[in-house]
Amino acid sequence: QVQLVESGGGLVQPGDSLTLACVLSGGTFSDYAMAWYRRPPEKDRQMVAFIPAVGDHIKYTDSVKDRFIISRDNDKNTVYLQMNDLKPEDTAVYYCYSRYGSTTTWGQGTQVTVSS
């Protein structure tokens, strides 16, 4: 059974950078498309960034383009989300997501709070 474990959340100030990591276990990581979602306070969960299993069709939601970078290290079974120039509106619980065929898995989430 696939499991996802996120790390790297925390409290930062506006303009700071933070990198989230998500480790996949129980499956062959290189087979999985990966994504980061977030749920801001009192809002619905939204996709932040997506990286396919193969190829370079990476996608970002408009509000994080040019600030966030998603990447993956297949040797470490890990997907990263590098977040730069963080803004208060980036405050949310961030979730890791994996997909292989019709099988999807969510991580438990990690809190990111951007506040002065």
Protein backbone atom coordinates (compact mmCIF):
# COMPACT_ATOMS: atom_id res chain seq x y z
CA GLN A 1 0.00 0.00 0.00
CA VAL A 2 1.37 3.38 -1.02
CA GLN A 3 2.03 5.87 1.74
CA LEU A 4 3.08 9.50 1.46
CA VAL A 5 4.83 11.41 4.23
CA GLU A 6 5.29 15.18 3.94
CA SER A 7 7.78 17.31 5.82
CA GLY A 8 9.13 20.84 5.80
CA GLY A 9 6.18 22.97 6.82
CA GLY A 10 6.41 25.76 9.35
CA LEU A 11 5.94 29.41 10.20
CA VAL A 12 7.76 31.89 7.98
CA GLN A 13 7.66 35.60 7.22
CA PRO A 14 6.50 37.16 3.94
CA GLY A 15 9.25 36.98 1.34
CA ASP A 16 10.87 33.92 2.89
CA SER A 17 11.48 30.59 1.18
CA LEU A 18 10.53 27.09 2.30
CA THR A 19 10.92 23.65 0.73
CA LEU A 20 8.46 20.83 1.30
CA ALA A 21 9.37 17.20 0.74
CA CYS A 22 7.19 14.13 0.30
CA VAL A 23 8.51 10.58 0.43
CA LEU A 24 6.56 7.77 -1.22
CA SER A 25 6.80 4.21 0.09
CA GLY A 26 5.06 1.00 -0.91
CA GLY A 27 5.35 1.56 -4.65
CA THR A 28 7.74 2.24 -7.51
CA PHE A 29 8.07 6.01 -7.24
CA SER A 30 9.11 6.52 -10.86
CA ASP A 31 5.75 5.12 -12.02
CA TYR A 32 3.75 7.79 -10.18
CA ALA A 33 2.63 11.20 -11.25
CA MET A 34 2.96 13.51 -8.24
CA ALA A 35 1.37 16.76 -7.18
CA TRP A 36 1.07 19.23 -4.35
CA TYR A 37 -2.32 20.54 -3.26
CA ARG A 38 -3.19 23.02 -0.56
CA ARG A 39 -6.21 23.91 1.53
CA PRO A 40 -6.22 27.53 2.75
CA PRO A 41 -8.28 28.35 5.84
CA GLU A 42 -12.02 28.09 5.11
CA LYS A 43 -11.42 27.34 1.42
CA ASP A 44 -11.50 24.27 -0.81
CA ARG A 45 -8.42 22.24 -1.59
CA GLN A 46 -6.68 23.37 -4.79
CA MET A 47 -3.89 21.99 -6.92
CA VAL A 48 -0.64 23.91 -6.58
CA ALA A 49 1.78 22.00 -8.82
CA PHE A 50 1.91 18.77 -10.80
CA ILE A 51 4.80 16.75 -12.18
CA PRO A 52 4.25 13.69 -14.39
CA ALA A 53 5.96 10.33 -14.03
CA VAL A 54 7.72 10.90 -17.33
CA GLY A 55 8.18 13.94 -19.53
CA ASP A 56 8.25 17.59 -18.61
CA HIS A 57 4.61 18.64 -18.66
CA ILE A 58 4.82 20.34 -15.29
CA LYS A 59 1.83 22.46 -14.28
CA TYR A 60 1.34 25.24 -11.74
CA THR A 61 -1.66 27.15 -10.58
CA ASP A 62 -1.40 30.75 -11.74
CA SER A 63 -0.91 32.25 -8.28
CA VAL A 64 2.37 30.39 -7.70
CA LYS A 65 3.93 30.51 -11.18
CA ASP A 66 7.44 32.04 -11.08
CA ARG A 67 7.58 31.53 -7.29
CA PHE A 68 7.21 27.78 -6.69
CA ILE A 69 9.15 24.91 -8.25
CA ILE A 70 8.10 21.27 -8.17
CA SER A 71 10.76 18.63 -8.72
CA ARG A 72 11.30 14.94 -8.12
CA ASP A 73 14.22 12.70 -7.24
CA ASN A 74 13.41 9.15 -8.32
CA ASP A 75 16.47 7.79 -6.52
CA LYS A 76 15.15 9.16 -3.22
CA ASN A 77 11.43 8.44 -3.87
CA THR A 78 10.82 12.09 -3.11
CA VAL A 79 8.95 15.00 -4.62
CA TYR A 80 9.79 18.55 -3.56
CA LEU A 81 8.01 21.87 -3.60
CA GLN A 82 10.39 24.81 -3.39
CA MET A 83 8.41 27.87 -2.39
CA ASN A 84 9.98 31.30 -2.84
CA ASP A 85 8.75 34.80 -2.03
CA LEU A 86 6.03 33.43 0.19
CA LYS A 87 2.94 35.55 0.76
CA PRO A 88 0.31 35.47 3.50
CA GLU A 89 -2.17 34.05 0.98
CA ASP A 90 0.08 30.98 0.65
CA THR A 91 -0.92 30.02 4.19
CA ALA A 92 -2.52 26.57 4.00
CA VAL A 93 -2.20 22.91 4.77
CA TYR A 94 -0.15 21.44 1.93
CA TYR A 95 -0.85 17.88 0.79
CA CYS A 96 1.20 15.52 -1.30
CA TYR A 97 -0.68 13.48 -3.92
CA SER A 98 0.30 10.53 -6.06
CA ARG A 99 -1.42 8.88 -8.99
CA TYR A 100 -0.74 5.65 -10.87
CA GLY A 101 -3.50 4.65 -13.23
CA SER A 102 -6.71 4.91 -11.21
CA THR A 103 -4.93 4.61 -7.87
CA THR A 104 -4.52 7.85 -5.95
CA THR A 105 -3.05 8.49 -2.53
CA TRP A 106 -2.92 11.54 -0.26
CA GLY A 107 -0.45 12.46 2.42
CA GLN A 108 -1.49 13.65 5.84
CA GLY A 109 -0.64 17.29 5.15
CA THR A 110 1.84 19.80 6.51
CA GLN A 111 0.98 23.30 7.72
CA VAL A 112 2.59 26.34 6.12
CA THR A 113 1.90 29.68 7.76
CA VAL A 114 3.16 32.94 6.29
CA SER A 115 2.85 35.80 8.74
CA SER A 116 4.80 38.79 9.98
